[in-house]
Amino acid sequence: MKNIKIKLILLAITLLNFSGTSNRIDSKVDVVVIDPGHGGHDPGTMGKSSKEKEVVLKIALKLGKHIEESMPGVKVLFTRKTDKYIEFQDRADVANKNQADLFISIHANSIVGANAFGTETYVMGLHKDKNNFEVAKRENSVILMDENYKEKYEGFDPKSPESYILFSLNQSAYQENSLKFAQKVEGQFKNRLGRSSRGVKQAGFLVLWMTTTPSVLVETGFLSNGNEESFLTSEKGQDLIASGIYRAFKEYKTEIESIN
């Protein structure tokens, strides 16, 4: 455990220094990466008749289409456009290598045995709430499916609170803009779509930490809730969620470019 802690601290410092030298303060928001969570042999959360990987892919493709059709000056990239498993590092690489201005990871939630409902949008940060940690732990546990994950992620254990020590050293250059976009997403869900918003939250999501750009993870609803599952699996529900995120993106782009 001591060696793991040392590795985590050294890794965090290395990446902190690297990201600190590569920060870009752009006046334009012209490249967006859309990341449908899970895929392939990783189904994500499960509803009675649905799989997260399928629901979020449909929403992501609709979101991308909205942006491409209405904002031709914006380059839209996807981490996946088919039912394919993509490792965390590869998802982040799409954003980092293409110098993306925003990274949007789309997911669906689940709490078995509880009637939880509503949307929530996460930004990178240390969890201050047990429930936030449980969501991050579930999403981060996907790395256990990767080959040689122990070596690849330097001993990071998604189930161990001690492993999250590396997040405390993460630079916060993109925190403000991540929060801006997250607030706009939840605002759209609540005020325009009439969804129940559980708010903007912070937690240690590995995929957000690995991207060097403003990044959010959107939990579009609970597949464990029958009503929400019906909504999220319907064409209308997916259109509404995608259009809400699109409007949030349009507002965010306008605000960032007017400031700079």
Protein backbone atom coordinates (compact mmCIF):
# COMPACT_ATOMS: atom_id res chain seq x y z
CA MET A 1 0.00 0.00 0.00
CA LYS A 2 2.87 2.38 0.80
CA ASN A 3 4.38 1.84 -2.66
CA ILE A 4 1.01 2.47 -4.28
CA LYS A 5 0.65 5.74 -2.40
CA ILE A 6 4.09 6.87 -3.50
CA LYS A 7 3.32 5.97 -7.13
CA LEU A 8 0.02 7.83 -6.99
CA ILE A 9 1.61 10.95 -5.59
CA LEU A 10 4.42 10.91 -8.16
CA LEU A 11 1.96 10.30 -10.98
CA ALA A 12 -0.26 13.14 -9.81
CA ILE A 13 2.68 15.56 -9.55
CA THR A 14 3.93 14.55 -13.00
CA LEU A 15 0.55 15.06 -14.63
CA LEU A 16 -0.03 18.23 -12.67
CA ASN A 17 3.20 19.72 -13.97
CA PHE A 18 2.48 18.54 -17.50
CA SER A 19 -1.04 19.97 -17.59
CA GLY A 20 0.21 23.17 -16.05
CA THR A 21 2.52 23.72 -19.00
CA SER A 22 -0.08 22.83 -21.62
CA ASN A 23 -3.05 24.91 -20.50
CA ARG A 24 -4.72 26.76 -23.33
CA ILE A 25 -6.83 29.85 -22.72
CA ASP A 26 -8.87 30.02 -25.89
CA SER A 27 -11.38 32.63 -26.95
CA LYS A 28 -13.23 30.13 -29.11
CA VAL A 29 -15.16 26.96 -28.37
CA ASP A 30 -14.76 25.19 -31.69
CA VAL A 31 -13.96 21.58 -30.80
CA VAL A 32 -16.24 19.43 -28.63
CA VAL A 33 -15.79 15.77 -27.74
CA ILE A 34 -18.91 13.75 -26.93
CA ASP A 35 -18.28 10.62 -24.90
CA PRO A 36 -21.07 8.02 -24.68
CA GLY A 37 -20.19 6.02 -21.56
CA HIS A 38 -19.45 2.28 -21.51
CA GLY A 39 -19.92 0.13 -24.65
CA GLY A 40 -19.03 -3.31 -25.97
CA HIS A 41 -18.63 -5.86 -23.19
CA ASP A 42 -19.33 -3.13 -20.63
CA PRO A 43 -23.12 -2.53 -20.57
CA GLY A 44 -23.04 0.05 -17.78
CA THR A 45 -26.11 0.23 -15.56
CA MET A 46 -29.16 -1.85 -16.38
CA GLY A 47 -32.87 -1.13 -16.36
CA LYS A 48 -35.60 -3.72 -16.64
CA SER A 49 -35.29 -3.75 -20.41
CA SER A 50 -32.45 -1.36 -21.20
CA LYS A 51 -28.68 -1.00 -21.06
CA GLU A 52 -26.91 2.25 -20.29
CA LYS A 53 -24.44 1.82 -23.16
CA GLU A 54 -27.29 1.78 -25.71
CA VAL A 55 -29.31 4.65 -24.23
CA VAL A 56 -26.39 7.05 -23.91
CA LEU A 57 -25.07 6.29 -27.40
CA LYS A 58 -28.41 7.31 -28.91
CA ILE A 59 -28.48 10.52 -26.88
CA ALA A 60 -24.86 11.30 -27.79
CA LEU A 61 -25.45 10.85 -31.52
CA LYS A 62 -28.52 13.09 -31.36
CA LEU A 63 -26.52 15.74 -29.49
CA GLY A 64 -23.76 15.62 -32.06
CA LYS A 65 -26.27 15.96 -34.88
CA HIS A 66 -27.83 19.05 -33.25
CA ILE A 67 -24.45 20.74 -32.99
CA GLU A 68 -23.28 19.78 -36.49
CA GLU A 69 -26.50 20.97 -38.14
CA SER A 70 -26.92 24.20 -36.17
CA MET A 71 -23.27 25.18 -35.60
CA PRO A 72 -21.25 24.15 -38.68
CA GLY A 73 -18.18 25.98 -37.37
CA VAL A 74 -17.87 23.54 -34.46
CA LYS A 75 -15.92 20.31 -34.93
CA VAL A 76 -17.72 17.42 -33.22
CA LEU A 77 -15.74 14.33 -32.23
CA PHE A 78 -16.99 11.15 -30.57
CA THR A 79 -15.12 8.68 -28.41
CA ARG A 80 -17.36 6.03 -29.95
CA LYS A 81 -20.20 5.95 -32.48
CA THR A 82 -20.90 2.24 -32.26
CA ASP A 83 -21.27 -0.42 -29.57
CA LYS A 84 -17.56 -0.58 -28.83
CA TYR A 85 -15.60 -0.69 -25.57
CA ILE A 86 -13.21 2.24 -25.18
CA GLU A 87 -10.68 2.47 -22.36
CA PHE A 88 -10.61 5.60 -20.18
CA GLN A 89 -7.20 6.65 -21.45
CA ASP A 90 -8.38 6.41 -25.06
CA ARG A 91 -11.48 8.47 -24.29
CA ALA A 92 -9.38 11.22 -22.75
CA ASP A 93 -6.88 11.01 -25.62
CA VAL A 94 -9.56 11.98 -28.14
CA ALA A 95 -9.98 15.26 -26.28
CA ASN A 96 -6.33 15.87 -25.47
CA LYS A 97 -4.86 15.04 -28.87
CA ASN A 98 -7.45 17.14 -30.70
CA GLN A 99 -7.11 20.06 -28.27
CA ALA A 100 -10.82 19.95 -27.51
CA ASP A 101 -12.48 22.98 -25.94
CA LEU A 102 -15.06 20.87 -24.08
CA PHE A 103 -15.50 17.21 -23.12
CA ILE A 104 -19.02 15.90 -22.45
CA SER A 105 -19.38 12.37 -21.04
CA ILE A 106 -22.95 11.05 -21.12
CA HIS A 107 -24.23 8.40 -18.70
CA ALA A 108 -27.34 7.00 -17.03
CA ASN A 109 -27.63 6.34 -13.32
CA SER A 110 -28.95 3.47 -11.21
CA ILE A 111 -29.64 2.74 -7.57
CA VAL A 112 -31.10 -0.72 -7.09
CA GLY A 113 -33.83 -0.94 -4.49
CA ALA A 114 -34.42 2.82 -4.30
CA ASN A 115 -36.86 5.04 -6.14
CA ALA A 116 -34.22 7.63 -7.01
CA PHE A 117 -34.87 9.90 -9.97
CA GLY A 118 -33.56 13.03 -11.64
CA THR A 119 -30.52 14.35 -13.48
CA GLU A 120 -27.15 15.37 -12.09
CA THR A 121 -24.05 16.75 -13.76
CA TYR A 122 -20.59 16.17 -12.32
CA VAL A 123 -17.34 18.06 -12.60
CA MET A 124 -13.96 16.84 -11.45
CA GLY A 125 -13.38 17.30 -7.73
CA LEU A 126 -13.03 15.56 -4.41
CA HIS A 127 -16.26 13.95 -3.26
CA LYS A 128 -17.69 15.48 -0.11
CA ASP A 129 -20.73 13.25 -0.13
CA LYS A 130 -20.87 9.46 0.19
CA ASN A 131 -23.38 9.15 -2.65
CA ASN A 132 -21.10 11.13 -4.98
CA PHE A 133 -18.25 8.77 -4.13
CA GLU A 134 -20.44 5.74 -4.86
CA VAL A 135 -21.27 7.08 -8.33
CA ALA A 136 -17.60 7.83 -9.07
CA LYS A 137 -16.54 4.46 -7.71
CA ARG A 138 -19.04 2.67 -9.96
CA GLU A 139 -17.99 4.58 -13.08
CA ASN A 140 -14.26 4.26 -12.34
CA SER A 141 -14.55 0.51 -11.74
CA VAL A 142 -14.77 0.14 -15.52
CA ILE A 143 -10.96 0.20 -15.59
CA LEU A 144 -11.01 -3.29 -14.05
CA MET A 145 -12.04 -4.51 -17.51
CA ASP A 146 -8.91 -3.06 -19.12
CA GLU A 147 -5.91 -5.27 -19.81
CA ASN A 148 -3.01 -4.63 -17.43
CA TYR A 149 -5.06 -2.01 -15.63
CA LYS A 150 -2.82 -2.10 -12.54
CA GLU A 151 0.22 -1.09 -14.56
CA LYS A 152 -1.67 1.27 -16.86
CA TYR A 153 -3.24 3.24 -14.02
CA GLU A 154 -0.28 3.00 -11.66
CA GLY A 155 -2.04 0.91 -9.02
CA PHE A 156 -5.17 3.07 -8.86
CA ASP A 157 -7.94 1.11 -7.12
CA PRO A 158 -11.38 2.60 -7.91
CA LYS A 159 -12.86 0.99 -4.82
CA SER A 160 -10.30 2.35 -2.36
CA PRO A 161 -10.80 5.84 -0.86
CA GLU A 162 -7.02 6.04 -0.40
CA SER A 163 -6.45 5.85 -4.14
CA TYR A 164 -8.28 9.12 -4.58
CA ILE A 165 -5.37 10.93 -2.96
CA LEU A 166 -4.06 11.73 -6.44
CA PHE A 167 -7.11 13.82 -7.19
CA SER A 168 -6.26 16.21 -4.38
CA LEU A 169 -3.23 17.31 -6.41
CA ASN A 170 -5.13 17.83 -9.63
CA GLN A 171 -4.83 21.34 -11.05
CA SER A 172 -8.05 23.34 -11.23
CA ALA A 173 -7.40 25.45 -14.33
CA TYR A 174 -10.55 24.16 -15.98
CA GLN A 175 -12.78 23.97 -12.91
CA GLU A 176 -14.52 27.32 -13.40
CA ASN A 177 -15.54 26.65 -17.00
CA SER A 178 -16.52 23.07 -16.20
CA LEU A 179 -18.86 24.40 -13.52
CA LYS A 180 -20.27 27.01 -15.89
CA PHE A 181 -21.22 24.41 -18.44
CA ALA A 182 -22.53 21.95 -15.83
CA GLN A 183 -24.81 24.62 -14.38
CA LYS A 184 -26.18 25.40 -17.81
CA VAL A 185 -26.91 21.72 -18.45
CA GLU A 186 -28.82 21.30 -15.20
CA GLY A 187 -30.57 24.63 -15.82
CA GLN A 188 -31.82 23.37 -19.17
CA PHE A 189 -32.97 20.08 -17.69
CA LYS A 190 -34.88 21.79 -14.87
CA ASN A 191 -36.22 24.97 -16.44
CA ARG A 192 -36.77 23.97 -20.06
CA LEU A 193 -37.45 20.24 -19.87
CA GLY A 194 -39.17 20.13 -16.49
CA ARG A 195 -36.86 17.37 -15.27
CA SER A 196 -36.03 16.93 -11.61
CA SER A 197 -32.49 18.24 -11.19
CA ARG A 198 -30.32 16.84 -8.42
CA GLY A 199 -27.85 19.62 -9.15
CA VAL A 200 -24.20 20.07 -10.06
CA LYS A 201 -21.84 17.88 -8.06
CA GLN A 202 -18.16 17.09 -7.71
CA ALA A 203 -16.50 13.70 -7.55
CA GLY A 204 -13.28 11.96 -8.57
CA PHE A 205 -14.09 10.66 -12.04
CA LEU A 206 -10.96 9.28 -13.65
CA VAL A 207 -12.06 10.10 -17.20
CA LEU A 208 -12.59 13.78 -16.28
CA TRP A 209 -9.28 13.97 -14.45
CA MET A 210 -7.39 12.64 -17.47
CA THR A 211 -8.72 15.30 -19.86
CA THR A 212 -6.92 18.64 -20.14
CA THR A 213 -9.98 20.72 -20.97
CA PRO A 214 -13.25 21.76 -19.31
CA SER A 215 -15.08 18.47 -18.76
CA VAL A 216 -18.39 17.25 -17.35
CA LEU A 217 -20.11 13.93 -16.80
CA VAL A 218 -23.88 14.07 -17.28
CA GLU A 219 -26.09 11.51 -15.53
CA THR A 220 -29.26 11.77 -17.61
CA GLY A 221 -31.54 9.87 -15.23
CA PHE A 222 -32.04 6.58 -13.41
CA LEU A 223 -32.62 3.40 -15.40
CA SER A 224 -33.50 1.75 -12.08
CA ASN A 225 -36.60 3.97 -11.96
CA GLY A 226 -39.37 2.63 -14.19
CA ASN A 227 -40.70 6.04 -15.22
CA GLU A 228 -37.27 7.39 -16.00
CA GLU A 229 -36.30 4.26 -17.89
CA SER A 230 -39.38 4.68 -20.09
CA PHE A 231 -38.46 8.31 -20.70
CA LEU A 232 -34.80 7.66 -21.47
CA THR A 233 -35.51 4.77 -23.82
CA SER A 234 -38.13 6.72 -25.79
CA GLU A 235 -37.32 8.68 -28.93
CA LYS A 236 -38.94 11.78 -27.43
CA GLY A 237 -37.02 11.51 -24.16
CA GLN A 238 -33.69 11.08 -25.92
CA ASP A 239 -34.45 14.04 -28.20
CA LEU A 240 -35.29 16.23 -25.22
CA ILE A 241 -32.14 15.30 -23.30
CA ALA A 242 -29.95 15.86 -26.37
CA SER A 243 -31.59 19.19 -27.17
CA GLY A 244 -31.17 20.33 -23.55
CA ILE A 245 -27.44 19.62 -23.60
CA TYR A 246 -27.19 21.27 -27.03
CA ARG A 247 -28.82 24.48 -25.78
CA ALA A 248 -26.49 24.46 -22.77
CA PHE A 249 -23.53 24.11 -25.14
CA LYS A 250 -24.78 26.97 -27.31
CA GLU A 251 -25.16 29.22 -24.24
CA TYR A 252 -21.74 28.21 -22.94
CA LYS A 253 -20.03 28.88 -26.27
CA THR A 254 -21.65 32.31 -26.53
CA GLU A 255 -20.66 33.25 -22.99
CA ILE A 256 -17.05 32.07 -23.24
CA GLU A 257 -16.48 33.79 -26.57
CA SER A 258 -18.08 37.04 -25.40
CA ILE A 259 -15.86 37.10 -22.29
CA ASN A 260 -12.68 36.52 -24.25
